[in-house]
């Protein structure tokens, strides 16, 4: 009876449609490269695959590639039981809005943010078609490398991301508090956020 119950439970889990998009942006063209986002994305992708997710992994995305990838993933997420996006790379807040930064962004002024970066709302839209869990994980609260060229004093908005209210039924995990910077970690390793995530991601019975 115990064996039958285990097999039945496992079959039910396999019947679920779980999809994930994993992005690591390391090779920035106009600011110093980040050593670890692609390491982070590789390990997170493997871990998600091991627990039954169909994973779309796309690293070092430029502006057009980033948007195309989100569009393609939104189609996979429609009707899924679980849809997850994991992003590691540069992210920033401008005028109380959060943006993820493609690898080809120049951002010579803050006015160019809407034309060269991806708003967080576009990412949450990509998971909105899922029936159950809709989760966005952002290992993106690093320093803003473009800020110094904008001629602004260092202060709120110069680093980290801002708090946001996601759509109903969607959860967003940040790697640091508002206006704080998360550490990228040692070269060829993983960020502290990703390392901690990997330790618990496949642990059964944990709430989100």
N, C-alpha and C. Protein backbone atom coordinates (compact mmCIF):
# COMPACT_ATOMS: atom_id res chain seq x y z
N UNK A 1 0.84 -1.21 0.00
CA UNK A 1 0.00 0.00 0.00
C UNK A 1 0.86 1.25 0.00
N UNK A 2 1.96 1.24 0.79
CA UNK A 2 2.85 2.40 0.83
C UNK A 2 3.50 2.61 -0.54
N UNK A 3 3.96 1.53 -1.15
CA UNK A 3 4.59 1.64 -2.46
C UNK A 3 3.62 2.19 -3.49
N UNK A 4 2.39 1.72 -3.46
CA UNK A 4 1.37 2.19 -4.41
C UNK A 4 1.13 3.68 -4.22
N UNK A 5 1.07 4.11 -2.97
CA UNK A 5 0.83 5.52 -2.69
C UNK A 5 1.97 6.39 -3.21
N UNK A 6 3.21 5.93 -3.03
CA UNK A 6 4.36 6.70 -3.51
C UNK A 6 4.35 6.81 -5.02
N UNK A 7 4.05 5.70 -5.70
CA UNK A 7 4.01 5.72 -7.16
C UNK A 7 2.90 6.64 -7.65
N UNK A 8 1.75 6.59 -7.01
CA UNK A 8 0.63 7.43 -7.41
C UNK A 8 0.97 8.91 -7.23
N UNK A 9 1.62 9.25 -6.10
CA UNK A 9 1.99 10.64 -5.85
C UNK A 9 3.02 11.12 -6.88
N UNK A 10 3.98 10.26 -7.20
CA UNK A 10 5.00 10.64 -8.16
C UNK A 10 4.40 10.83 -9.54
N UNK A 11 3.46 9.99 -9.92
CA UNK A 11 2.81 10.12 -11.21
C UNK A 11 2.03 11.42 -11.30
N UNK A 12 1.38 11.79 -10.21
CA UNK A 12 0.64 13.04 -10.20
C UNK A 12 1.56 14.22 -10.41
N UNK A 13 2.74 14.18 -9.76
CA UNK A 13 3.71 15.27 -9.91
C UNK A 13 4.19 15.37 -11.35
N UNK A 14 4.43 14.20 -11.98
CA UNK A 14 4.90 14.21 -13.36
C UNK A 14 3.83 14.74 -14.30
N UNK A 15 2.58 14.58 -13.95
CA UNK A 15 1.50 15.03 -14.82
C UNK A 15 1.39 16.54 -14.82
N UNK A 16 1.93 17.20 -13.80
CA UNK A 16 1.89 18.65 -13.76
C UNK A 16 2.78 19.23 -14.85
N UNK A 17 2.31 20.34 -15.41
CA UNK A 17 3.14 21.07 -16.37
C UNK A 17 3.85 22.19 -15.62
N UNK A 18 5.16 22.04 -15.49
CA UNK A 18 5.97 23.03 -14.79
C UNK A 18 6.97 23.61 -15.78
N UNK A 19 6.97 24.91 -15.95
CA UNK A 19 7.87 25.54 -16.90
C UNK A 19 8.68 26.62 -16.20
N UNK A 20 9.90 26.81 -16.67
CA UNK A 20 10.77 27.82 -16.07
C UNK A 20 11.62 28.48 -17.15
N UNK A 21 11.83 29.76 -16.97
CA UNK A 21 12.76 30.53 -17.81
C UNK A 21 13.91 30.96 -16.92
N UNK A 22 15.13 30.63 -17.33
CA UNK A 22 16.32 30.94 -16.54
C UNK A 22 17.26 31.78 -17.39
N UNK A 23 17.61 32.97 -16.89
CA UNK A 23 18.44 33.92 -17.64
C UNK A 23 19.63 34.33 -16.77
N UNK A 24 20.80 34.31 -17.36
CA UNK A 24 22.00 34.85 -16.71
C UNK A 24 22.69 35.81 -17.64
N UNK A 25 22.74 37.09 -17.28
CA UNK A 25 23.41 38.11 -18.10
C UNK A 25 24.74 38.50 -17.45
N UNK A 26 25.82 38.07 -18.07
CA UNK A 26 27.16 38.34 -17.56
C UNK A 26 27.97 39.26 -18.46
N UNK A 27 27.89 39.04 -19.77
CA UNK A 27 28.81 39.68 -20.73
C UNK A 27 28.26 41.01 -21.21
N UNK A 28 28.35 42.03 -20.35
CA UNK A 28 27.86 43.36 -20.71
C UNK A 28 28.88 44.06 -21.61
N UNK A 29 28.36 44.73 -22.64
CA UNK A 29 29.23 45.32 -23.66
C UNK A 29 29.78 46.67 -23.25
N UNK A 30 29.05 47.43 -22.42
CA UNK A 30 29.42 48.81 -22.16
C UNK A 30 29.73 49.10 -20.70
N UNK A 31 29.68 48.10 -19.86
CA UNK A 31 30.09 48.19 -18.46
C UNK A 31 30.83 46.90 -18.12
N UNK A 32 31.57 46.88 -17.02
CA UNK A 32 32.31 45.65 -16.68
C UNK A 32 31.40 44.42 -16.59
N UNK A 33 31.93 43.31 -17.06
CA UNK A 33 31.17 42.05 -17.02
C UNK A 33 30.98 41.59 -15.58
N UNK A 34 29.91 40.82 -15.38
CA UNK A 34 29.65 40.19 -14.08
C UNK A 34 30.13 38.74 -14.16
N UNK A 35 30.91 38.27 -13.21
CA UNK A 35 31.49 36.93 -13.34
C UNK A 35 30.52 35.78 -13.16
N UNK A 36 29.44 35.98 -12.38
CA UNK A 36 28.69 34.81 -11.92
C UNK A 36 27.27 34.58 -12.45
N UNK A 37 26.60 35.54 -13.08
CA UNK A 37 25.22 35.25 -13.50
C UNK A 37 25.05 34.01 -14.38
N UNK A 38 25.97 33.77 -15.30
CA UNK A 38 25.83 32.56 -16.13
C UNK A 38 26.10 31.30 -15.32
N UNK A 39 26.98 31.39 -14.32
CA UNK A 39 27.15 30.25 -13.40
C UNK A 39 25.87 30.00 -12.62
N UNK A 40 25.25 31.09 -12.15
CA UNK A 40 24.01 30.98 -11.41
C UNK A 40 22.91 30.35 -12.26
N UNK A 41 22.78 30.83 -13.49
CA UNK A 41 21.70 30.33 -14.34
C UNK A 41 21.90 28.86 -14.69
N UNK A 42 23.15 28.45 -14.90
CA UNK A 42 23.41 27.05 -15.25
C UNK A 42 22.98 26.11 -14.14
N UNK A 43 23.33 26.45 -12.90
CA UNK A 43 23.01 25.56 -11.78
C UNK A 43 21.52 25.59 -11.44
N UNK A 44 20.91 26.77 -11.53
CA UNK A 44 19.47 26.86 -11.27
C UNK A 44 18.70 26.07 -12.32
N UNK A 45 19.12 26.16 -13.57
CA UNK A 45 18.44 25.41 -14.63
C UNK A 45 18.52 23.91 -14.37
N UNK A 46 19.69 23.41 -14.00
CA UNK A 46 19.84 21.99 -13.71
C UNK A 46 18.96 21.57 -12.53
N UNK A 47 18.92 22.40 -11.50
CA UNK A 47 18.12 22.06 -10.32
C UNK A 47 16.64 22.02 -10.66
N UNK A 48 16.18 22.99 -11.42
CA UNK A 48 14.76 23.01 -11.79
C UNK A 48 14.40 21.81 -12.67
N UNK A 49 15.30 21.44 -13.57
CA UNK A 49 15.05 20.25 -14.39
C UNK A 49 14.93 19.01 -13.53
N UNK A 50 15.73 18.94 -12.48
CA UNK A 50 15.74 17.76 -11.62
C UNK A 50 14.44 17.60 -10.84
N UNK A 51 13.68 18.67 -10.68
CA UNK A 51 12.40 18.58 -9.95
C UNK A 51 11.21 18.72 -10.89
N UNK A 52 11.43 18.41 -12.16
CA UNK A 52 10.30 18.25 -13.07
C UNK A 52 9.90 19.46 -13.88
N UNK A 53 10.77 20.47 -13.97
CA UNK A 53 10.46 21.64 -14.79
C UNK A 53 11.00 21.47 -16.20
N UNK A 54 10.20 21.92 -17.16
CA UNK A 54 10.71 22.12 -18.51
C UNK A 54 11.36 23.50 -18.54
N UNK A 55 12.67 23.53 -18.80
CA UNK A 55 13.44 24.76 -18.61
C UNK A 55 13.87 25.34 -19.95
N UNK A 56 13.61 26.62 -20.12
CA UNK A 56 14.17 27.39 -21.22
C UNK A 56 15.28 28.25 -20.63
N UNK A 57 16.53 27.97 -21.02
CA UNK A 57 17.66 28.73 -20.51
C UNK A 57 18.21 29.61 -21.62
N UNK A 58 18.40 30.89 -21.31
CA UNK A 58 18.88 31.84 -22.32
C UNK A 58 19.80 32.83 -21.62
N UNK A 59 21.07 32.82 -21.98
CA UNK A 59 22.06 33.68 -21.32
C UNK A 59 22.51 34.81 -22.23
N UNK A 60 23.01 35.88 -21.59
CA UNK A 60 23.60 37.03 -22.28
C UNK A 60 22.67 37.57 -23.37
N UNK A 61 21.47 37.91 -22.95
CA UNK A 61 20.45 38.39 -23.87
C UNK A 61 20.59 39.88 -24.13
N UNK A 62 20.56 40.26 -25.41
CA UNK A 62 20.48 41.68 -25.74
C UNK A 62 19.03 42.13 -25.67
N UNK A 63 18.78 43.39 -26.00
CA UNK A 63 17.45 43.96 -25.83
C UNK A 63 16.39 43.18 -26.61
N UNK A 64 16.64 42.96 -27.90
CA UNK A 64 15.66 42.26 -28.73
C UNK A 64 15.52 40.80 -28.29
N UNK A 65 16.63 40.16 -27.98
CA UNK A 65 16.58 38.77 -27.56
C UNK A 65 15.85 38.59 -26.25
N UNK A 66 16.01 39.53 -25.34
CA UNK A 66 15.35 39.47 -24.04
C UNK A 66 13.84 39.48 -24.24
N UNK A 67 13.36 40.40 -25.04
CA UNK A 67 11.91 40.52 -25.25
C UNK A 67 11.35 39.33 -26.02
N UNK A 68 12.09 38.85 -27.01
CA UNK A 68 11.62 37.67 -27.75
C UNK A 68 11.55 36.45 -26.83
N UNK A 69 12.53 36.31 -25.96
CA UNK A 69 12.56 35.17 -25.05
C UNK A 69 11.38 35.21 -24.09
N UNK A 70 11.08 36.39 -23.55
CA UNK A 70 9.91 36.53 -22.67
C UNK A 70 8.62 36.22 -23.41
N UNK A 71 8.53 36.67 -24.65
CA UNK A 71 7.33 36.37 -25.45
C UNK A 71 7.18 34.88 -25.66
N UNK A 72 8.26 34.20 -26.03
CA UNK A 72 8.19 32.75 -26.27
C UNK A 72 7.85 32.01 -24.98
N UNK A 73 8.42 32.45 -23.86
CA UNK A 73 8.14 31.77 -22.61
C UNK A 73 6.70 31.98 -22.17
N UNK A 74 6.15 33.15 -22.42
CA UNK A 74 4.76 33.41 -22.02
C UNK A 74 3.80 32.42 -22.68
N UNK A 75 4.14 31.98 -23.89
CA UNK A 75 3.31 30.98 -24.57
C UNK A 75 3.41 29.64 -23.85
N UNK A 76 4.62 29.26 -23.43
CA UNK A 76 4.80 28.01 -22.69
C UNK A 76 4.10 28.05 -21.35
N UNK A 77 4.08 29.24 -20.73
CA UNK A 77 3.51 29.37 -19.39
C UNK A 77 1.99 29.34 -19.38
N UNK A 78 1.38 29.67 -20.50
CA UNK A 78 -0.08 29.71 -20.55
C UNK A 78 -0.66 28.32 -20.29
N UNK A 79 -1.45 28.22 -19.24
CA UNK A 79 -2.08 26.95 -18.88
C UNK A 79 -1.21 26.03 -18.04
N UNK A 80 0.05 26.42 -17.76
CA UNK A 80 0.92 25.57 -16.95
C UNK A 80 0.47 25.58 -15.50
N UNK A 81 0.84 24.53 -14.76
CA UNK A 81 0.53 24.49 -13.34
C UNK A 81 1.48 25.38 -12.54
N UNK A 82 2.73 25.48 -13.00
CA UNK A 82 3.71 26.34 -12.35
C UNK A 82 4.52 27.04 -13.43
N UNK A 83 4.78 28.33 -13.23
CA UNK A 83 5.65 29.09 -14.14
C UNK A 83 6.61 29.91 -13.30
N UNK A 84 7.91 29.75 -13.58
CA UNK A 84 8.95 30.40 -12.79
C UNK A 84 9.92 31.10 -13.72
N UNK A 85 10.31 32.33 -13.36
CA UNK A 85 11.40 33.02 -14.05
C UNK A 85 12.50 33.29 -13.04
N UNK A 86 13.72 32.92 -13.40
CA UNK A 86 14.90 33.25 -12.59
C UNK A 86 15.80 34.13 -13.44
N UNK A 87 16.21 35.27 -12.89
CA UNK A 87 17.11 36.18 -13.61
C UNK A 87 18.27 36.56 -12.73
N UNK A 88 19.49 36.42 -13.27
CA UNK A 88 20.69 36.91 -12.61
C UNK A 88 21.39 37.87 -13.57
N UNK A 89 21.77 39.03 -13.07
CA UNK A 89 22.40 40.04 -13.90
C UNK A 89 22.14 41.42 -13.32
N UNK A 90 22.41 42.44 -14.12
CA UNK A 90 22.17 43.80 -13.66
C UNK A 90 20.68 44.13 -13.67
N UNK A 91 20.26 44.80 -12.62
CA UNK A 91 18.91 45.35 -12.55
C UNK A 91 18.99 46.69 -11.85
N UNK A 92 18.06 47.58 -12.14
CA UNK A 92 18.11 48.89 -11.52
C UNK A 92 16.72 49.50 -11.41
N UNK A 93 16.65 50.49 -10.54
CA UNK A 93 15.41 51.25 -10.34
C UNK A 93 15.59 52.65 -10.89
N UNK A 94 14.64 53.11 -11.69
CA UNK A 94 14.61 54.49 -12.19
C UNK A 94 13.20 55.02 -12.01
N UNK A 95 13.08 56.11 -11.28
CA UNK A 95 11.78 56.74 -11.03
C UNK A 95 10.78 55.75 -10.45
N UNK A 96 11.26 54.95 -9.47
CA UNK A 96 10.43 54.00 -8.74
C UNK A 96 9.89 52.86 -9.61
N UNK A 97 10.54 52.60 -10.72
CA UNK A 97 10.22 51.44 -11.56
C UNK A 97 11.47 50.59 -11.70
N UNK A 98 11.29 49.28 -11.72
CA UNK A 98 12.40 48.34 -11.82
C UNK A 98 12.62 47.88 -13.25
N UNK A 99 13.89 47.73 -13.61
CA UNK A 99 14.24 47.29 -14.96
C UNK A 99 15.35 46.24 -14.88
N UNK A 100 15.30 45.27 -15.79
CA UNK A 100 16.38 44.31 -15.98
C UNK A 100 17.18 44.75 -17.20
N UNK A 101 18.49 44.57 -17.15
CA UNK A 101 19.37 45.22 -18.12
C UNK A 101 19.94 44.22 -19.12
N UNK A 102 19.60 44.36 -20.40
CA UNK A 102 20.21 43.52 -21.44
C UNK A 102 21.70 43.81 -21.58
N UNK A 103 22.42 42.89 -22.20
CA UNK A 103 23.88 43.02 -22.25
C UNK A 103 24.33 44.10 -23.22
N UNK A 104 23.48 44.58 -24.12
CA UNK A 104 23.89 45.60 -25.08
C UNK A 104 23.47 47.01 -24.67
N UNK A 105 22.94 47.19 -23.46
CA UNK A 105 22.46 48.50 -23.02
C UNK A 105 23.64 49.47 -22.87
N UNK A 106 23.44 50.70 -23.36
CA UNK A 106 24.42 51.78 -23.18
C UNK A 106 23.99 52.72 -22.06
N UNK A 107 22.72 53.10 -22.05
CA UNK A 107 22.12 53.92 -20.99
C UNK A 107 23.00 55.13 -20.66
N UNK A 108 23.25 55.95 -21.67
CA UNK A 108 24.06 57.15 -21.46
C UNK A 108 23.34 58.17 -20.59
N UNK A 109 22.00 58.14 -20.57
CA UNK A 109 21.21 58.95 -19.65
C UNK A 109 20.08 58.09 -19.12
N UNK A 110 19.48 58.52 -18.00
CA UNK A 110 18.37 57.74 -17.45
C UNK A 110 17.13 57.81 -18.31
N UNK A 111 17.06 58.78 -19.22
CA UNK A 111 15.90 58.90 -20.10
C UNK A 111 15.84 57.77 -21.13
N UNK A 112 16.96 57.06 -21.29
CA UNK A 112 17.01 55.98 -22.27
C UNK A 112 16.58 54.64 -21.70
N UNK A 113 16.22 54.62 -20.43
CA UNK A 113 15.93 53.35 -19.77
C UNK A 113 14.78 52.61 -20.44
N UNK A 114 13.74 53.33 -20.85
CA UNK A 114 12.57 52.68 -21.46
C UNK A 114 12.88 52.09 -22.83
N UNK A 115 13.93 52.59 -23.47
CA UNK A 115 14.27 52.14 -24.81
C UNK A 115 15.34 51.06 -24.83
N UNK A 116 16.06 50.88 -23.72
CA UNK A 116 17.18 49.95 -23.73
C UNK A 116 17.10 48.87 -22.66
N UNK A 117 16.11 48.95 -21.77
CA UNK A 117 16.01 47.97 -20.68
C UNK A 117 14.62 47.34 -20.68
N UNK A 118 14.48 46.29 -19.89
CA UNK A 118 13.24 45.51 -19.86
C UNK A 118 12.53 45.78 -18.53
N UNK A 119 11.33 46.36 -18.57
CA UNK A 119 10.61 46.63 -17.32
C UNK A 119 10.21 45.33 -16.63
N UNK A 120 10.24 45.35 -15.31
CA UNK A 120 9.88 44.16 -14.54
C UNK A 120 8.46 43.71 -14.85
N UNK A 121 7.58 44.65 -15.16
CA UNK A 121 6.19 44.28 -15.48
C UNK A 121 6.11 43.34 -16.68
N UNK A 122 7.05 43.46 -17.61
CA UNK A 122 7.05 42.56 -18.76
C UNK A 122 7.40 41.14 -18.34
N UNK A 123 8.23 41.02 -17.31
CA UNK A 123 8.61 39.70 -16.80
C UNK A 123 7.44 39.05 -16.06
N UNK A 124 6.74 39.83 -15.22
CA UNK A 124 5.60 39.25 -14.50
C UNK A 124 4.48 38.89 -15.46
N UNK A 125 4.34 39.63 -16.54
CA UNK A 125 3.33 39.26 -17.54
C UNK A 125 3.63 37.90 -18.15
N UNK A 126 4.90 37.55 -18.25
CA UNK A 126 5.28 36.29 -18.90
C UNK A 126 4.83 35.07 -18.11
N UNK A 127 4.61 35.21 -16.80
CA UNK A 127 4.16 34.07 -16.00
C UNK A 127 2.67 34.12 -15.70
N UNK A 128 2.00 35.17 -16.10
CA UNK A 128 0.61 35.38 -15.69
C UNK A 128 -0.36 34.35 -16.24
N UNK A 129 0.03 33.63 -17.29
CA UNK A 129 -0.87 32.65 -17.87
C UNK A 129 -0.93 31.34 -17.13
N UNK A 130 -0.06 31.15 -16.14
CA UNK A 130 -0.04 29.89 -15.39
C UNK A 130 -1.26 29.79 -14.47
N UNK A 131 -1.72 28.57 -14.25
CA UNK A 131 -2.91 28.34 -13.42
C UNK A 131 -2.59 28.34 -11.94
N UNK A 132 -1.36 27.95 -11.59
CA UNK A 132 -1.01 27.81 -10.19
C UNK A 132 0.10 28.77 -9.79
N UNK A 133 1.23 28.21 -9.36
CA UNK A 133 2.35 29.03 -8.89
C UNK A 133 2.89 29.90 -10.00
N UNK A 134 3.01 31.21 -9.72
CA UNK A 134 3.63 32.17 -10.63
C UNK A 134 4.70 32.90 -9.83
N UNK A 135 5.96 32.63 -10.15
CA UNK A 135 7.06 33.09 -9.31
C UNK A 135 8.17 33.70 -10.16
N UNK A 136 8.65 34.88 -9.74
CA UNK A 136 9.78 35.55 -10.38
C UNK A 136 10.86 35.72 -9.32
N UNK A 137 12.07 35.23 -9.60
CA UNK A 137 13.19 35.32 -8.67
C UNK A 137 14.27 36.19 -9.30
N UNK A 138 14.64 37.27 -8.61
CA UNK A 138 15.56 38.26 -9.16
C UNK A 138 16.84 38.31 -8.35
N UNK A 139 17.91 37.76 -8.90
CA UNK A 139 19.23 37.91 -8.32
C UNK A 139 19.89 39.08 -9.06
N UNK A 140 19.28 40.26 -8.87
CA UNK A 140 19.62 41.39 -9.74
C UNK A 140 19.83 42.68 -8.97
N UNK A 141 20.02 42.61 -7.68
CA UNK A 141 20.14 43.83 -6.87
C UNK A 141 21.59 44.24 -6.73
N UNK A 142 22.31 44.24 -7.83
CA UNK A 142 23.71 44.65 -7.78
C UNK A 142 23.81 46.17 -7.95
N UNK A 143 25.03 46.70 -7.86
CA UNK A 143 25.19 48.14 -8.02
C UNK A 143 24.81 48.56 -9.44
N UNK A 144 24.44 49.82 -9.60
CA UNK A 144 24.07 50.37 -10.89
C UNK A 144 25.33 50.94 -11.55
N UNK A 145 25.93 50.24 -12.52
CA UNK A 145 27.19 50.70 -13.10
C UNK A 145 27.03 51.89 -14.04
N UNK A 146 25.79 52.21 -14.42
CA UNK A 146 25.53 53.31 -15.32
C UNK A 146 25.31 54.63 -14.58
N UNK A 147 25.12 54.56 -13.28
CA UNK A 147 24.63 55.71 -12.53
C UNK A 147 25.60 56.88 -12.52
N UNK A 148 26.90 56.58 -12.45
CA UNK A 148 27.89 57.63 -12.35
C UNK A 148 27.91 58.53 -13.58
N UNK A 149 27.59 57.98 -14.74
CA UNK A 149 27.62 58.78 -15.96
C UNK A 149 26.39 59.69 -16.09
N UNK A 150 25.40 59.49 -15.22
CA UNK A 150 24.20 60.31 -15.28
C UNK A 150 24.33 61.61 -14.50
N UNK A 151 25.43 61.79 -13.80
CA UNK A 151 25.66 63.02 -13.09
C UNK A 151 24.79 63.22 -11.86
N UNK A 152 24.38 62.15 -11.23
CA UNK A 152 23.56 62.23 -10.03
C UNK A 152 24.38 61.90 -8.79
N UNK A 153 24.06 62.51 -7.65
CA UNK A 153 24.71 62.11 -6.41
C UNK A 153 24.26 60.72 -6.00
N UNK A 154 25.14 60.00 -5.31
CA UNK A 154 24.79 58.66 -4.85
C UNK A 154 23.75 58.75 -3.75
N UNK A 155 22.72 57.95 -3.85
CA UNK A 155 21.64 57.96 -2.88
C UNK A 155 20.57 56.99 -3.30
N UNK A 156 19.32 57.15 -2.80
CA UNK A 156 18.24 56.27 -3.20
C UNK A 156 18.11 56.22 -4.72
N UNK A 157 18.02 55.01 -5.26
CA UNK A 157 17.93 54.84 -6.71
C UNK A 157 19.27 54.62 -7.37
N UNK A 158 20.37 54.89 -6.66
CA UNK A 158 21.69 54.70 -7.25
C UNK A 158 22.12 53.24 -7.19
N UNK A 159 21.41 52.43 -6.43
CA UNK A 159 21.77 51.02 -6.31
C UNK A 159 20.53 50.23 -5.93
N UNK A 160 20.55 48.94 -6.27
CA UNK A 160 19.47 48.07 -5.88
C UNK A 160 18.18 48.29 -6.66
N UNK A 161 17.13 47.64 -6.20
CA UNK A 161 15.80 47.73 -6.81
C UNK A 161 14.84 48.31 -5.79
N UNK A 162 13.67 48.70 -6.26
CA UNK A 162 12.66 49.25 -5.36
C UNK A 162 11.57 48.22 -5.12
N UNK A 163 10.86 48.36 -4.03
CA UNK A 163 9.76 47.44 -3.75
C UNK A 163 8.65 47.64 -4.78
N UNK A 164 7.91 46.59 -5.03
CA UNK A 164 6.86 46.67 -6.04
C UNK A 164 5.72 45.76 -5.64
N UNK A 165 4.54 46.06 -6.14
CA UNK A 165 3.36 45.23 -5.88
C UNK A 165 3.09 44.39 -7.13
N UNK A 166 3.35 43.09 -7.06
CA UNK A 166 3.14 42.25 -8.25
C UNK A 166 1.66 42.03 -8.52
N UNK A 167 1.32 41.55 -9.71
CA UNK A 167 -0.08 41.21 -9.98
C UNK A 167 -0.58 40.16 -8.99
N UNK A 168 -1.87 40.17 -8.76
CA UNK A 168 -2.47 39.22 -7.82
C UNK A 168 -2.13 37.79 -8.23
N UNK A 169 -1.67 36.99 -7.27
CA UNK A 169 -1.33 35.60 -7.54
C UNK A 169 0.10 35.38 -7.99
N UNK A 170 0.87 36.46 -8.14
CA UNK A 170 2.27 36.35 -8.55
C UNK A 170 3.16 36.76 -7.40
N UNK A 171 4.26 36.01 -7.19
CA UNK A 171 5.22 36.32 -6.14
C UNK A 171 6.55 36.72 -6.76
N UNK A 172 7.20 37.73 -6.16
CA UNK A 172 8.52 38.17 -6.60
C UNK A 172 9.49 38.03 -5.44
N UNK A 173 10.61 37.36 -5.69
CA UNK A 173 11.67 37.22 -4.69
C UNK A 173 12.84 38.10 -5.10
N UNK A 174 13.26 38.98 -4.19
CA UNK A 174 14.41 39.84 -4.41
C UNK A 174 15.60 39.32 -3.63
N UNK A 175 16.80 39.61 -4.13
CA UNK A 175 18.01 39.16 -3.45
C UNK A 175 18.46 40.12 -2.36
N UNK A 176 17.83 41.28 -2.27
CA UNK A 176 18.20 42.26 -1.25
C UNK A 176 17.01 43.16 -0.98
N UNK A 177 17.08 43.88 0.14
CA UNK A 177 16.02 44.83 0.46
C UNK A 177 16.07 46.03 -0.48
N UNK A 178 15.04 46.86 -0.41
CA UNK A 178 14.94 48.04 -1.26
C UNK A 178 16.17 48.93 -1.11
N UNK A 179 16.72 49.35 -2.26
CA UNK A 179 17.88 50.24 -2.32
C UNK A 179 19.14 49.63 -1.71
N UNK A 180 19.18 48.33 -1.55
CA UNK A 180 20.37 47.65 -1.05
C UNK A 180 20.98 46.80 -2.16
N UNK A 181 22.26 46.51 -2.03
CA UNK A 181 22.99 45.77 -3.05
C UNK A 181 23.24 44.34 -2.59
N UNK A 182 22.96 43.38 -3.45
CA UNK A 182 23.29 41.98 -3.19
C UNK A 182 24.66 41.68 -3.78
N UNK A 183 25.42 40.86 -3.10
CA UNK A 183 26.78 40.56 -3.53
C UNK A 183 26.75 39.56 -4.68
N UNK A 184 27.64 39.78 -5.67
CA UNK A 184 27.71 38.87 -6.81
C UNK A 184 28.40 37.57 -6.45
N UNK A 185 29.26 37.59 -5.45
CA UNK A 185 29.97 36.37 -5.07
C UNK A 185 31.36 36.31 -5.67
N UNK A 186 32.10 35.26 -5.33
CA UNK A 186 33.45 35.11 -5.83
C UNK A 186 33.44 34.70 -7.30
N UNK A 187 34.57 34.98 -7.99
CA UNK A 187 34.69 34.62 -9.40
C UNK A 187 34.46 33.13 -9.60
N UNK A 188 33.74 32.81 -10.68
CA UNK A 188 33.46 31.43 -11.08
C UNK A 188 32.75 30.64 -9.98
N UNK A 189 31.95 31.35 -9.21
CA UNK A 189 31.15 30.69 -8.19
C UNK A 189 29.68 31.04 -8.39
N UNK A 190 28.98 31.19 -7.29
CA UNK A 190 27.58 31.59 -7.33
C UNK A 190 27.37 32.72 -6.34
N UNK A 191 26.38 33.54 -6.61
CA UNK A 191 26.04 34.60 -5.67
C UNK A 191 25.52 33.97 -4.38
N UNK A 192 25.59 34.67 -3.26
CA UNK A 192 25.02 34.13 -2.02
C UNK A 192 23.53 33.81 -2.14
N UNK A 193 22.78 34.64 -2.86
CA UNK A 193 21.35 34.39 -3.04
C UNK A 193 21.13 33.07 -3.78
N UNK A 194 21.83 32.90 -4.91
CA UNK A 194 21.66 31.67 -5.69
C UNK A 194 22.16 30.45 -4.93
N UNK A 195 23.28 30.58 -4.24
CA UNK A 195 23.80 29.45 -3.47
C UNK A 195 22.80 29.00 -2.42
N UNK A 196 22.17 29.95 -1.75
CA UNK A 196 21.17 29.60 -0.74
C UNK A 196 19.93 28.98 -1.39
N UNK A 197 19.54 29.53 -2.53
CA UNK A 197 18.38 29.00 -3.24
C UNK A 197 18.61 27.56 -3.67
N UNK A 198 19.80 27.28 -4.17
CA UNK A 198 20.11 25.92 -4.62
C UNK A 198 20.04 24.91 -3.48
N UNK A 199 20.34 25.35 -2.27
CA UNK A 199 20.32 24.45 -1.11
C UNK A 199 18.92 24.01 -0.73
N UNK A 200 17.91 24.80 -1.08
CA UNK A 200 16.55 24.50 -0.61
C UNK A 200 15.55 24.24 -1.72
N UNK A 201 15.93 24.49 -2.98
CA UNK A 201 14.97 24.47 -4.07
C UNK A 201 14.29 23.12 -4.24
N UNK A 202 15.03 22.04 -3.98
CA UNK A 202 14.46 20.70 -4.17
C UNK A 202 14.07 20.04 -2.85
N UNK A 203 14.00 20.82 -1.78
CA UNK A 203 13.63 20.25 -0.49
C UNK A 203 12.10 20.13 -0.40
N UNK A 204 11.57 18.94 -0.23
CA UNK A 204 10.11 18.75 -0.25
C UNK A 204 9.43 19.37 0.96
N UNK A 205 8.21 19.85 0.74
CA UNK A 205 7.37 20.29 1.83
C UNK A 205 7.57 21.72 2.29
N UNK A 206 8.50 22.45 1.66
CA UNK A 206 8.73 23.83 2.09
C UNK A 206 7.71 24.76 1.43
N UNK A 207 7.15 25.73 2.19
CA UNK A 207 6.32 26.75 1.54
C UNK A 207 7.19 27.69 0.71
N UNK A 208 6.60 28.36 -0.25
CA UNK A 208 7.37 29.26 -1.08
C UNK A 208 8.05 30.34 -0.25
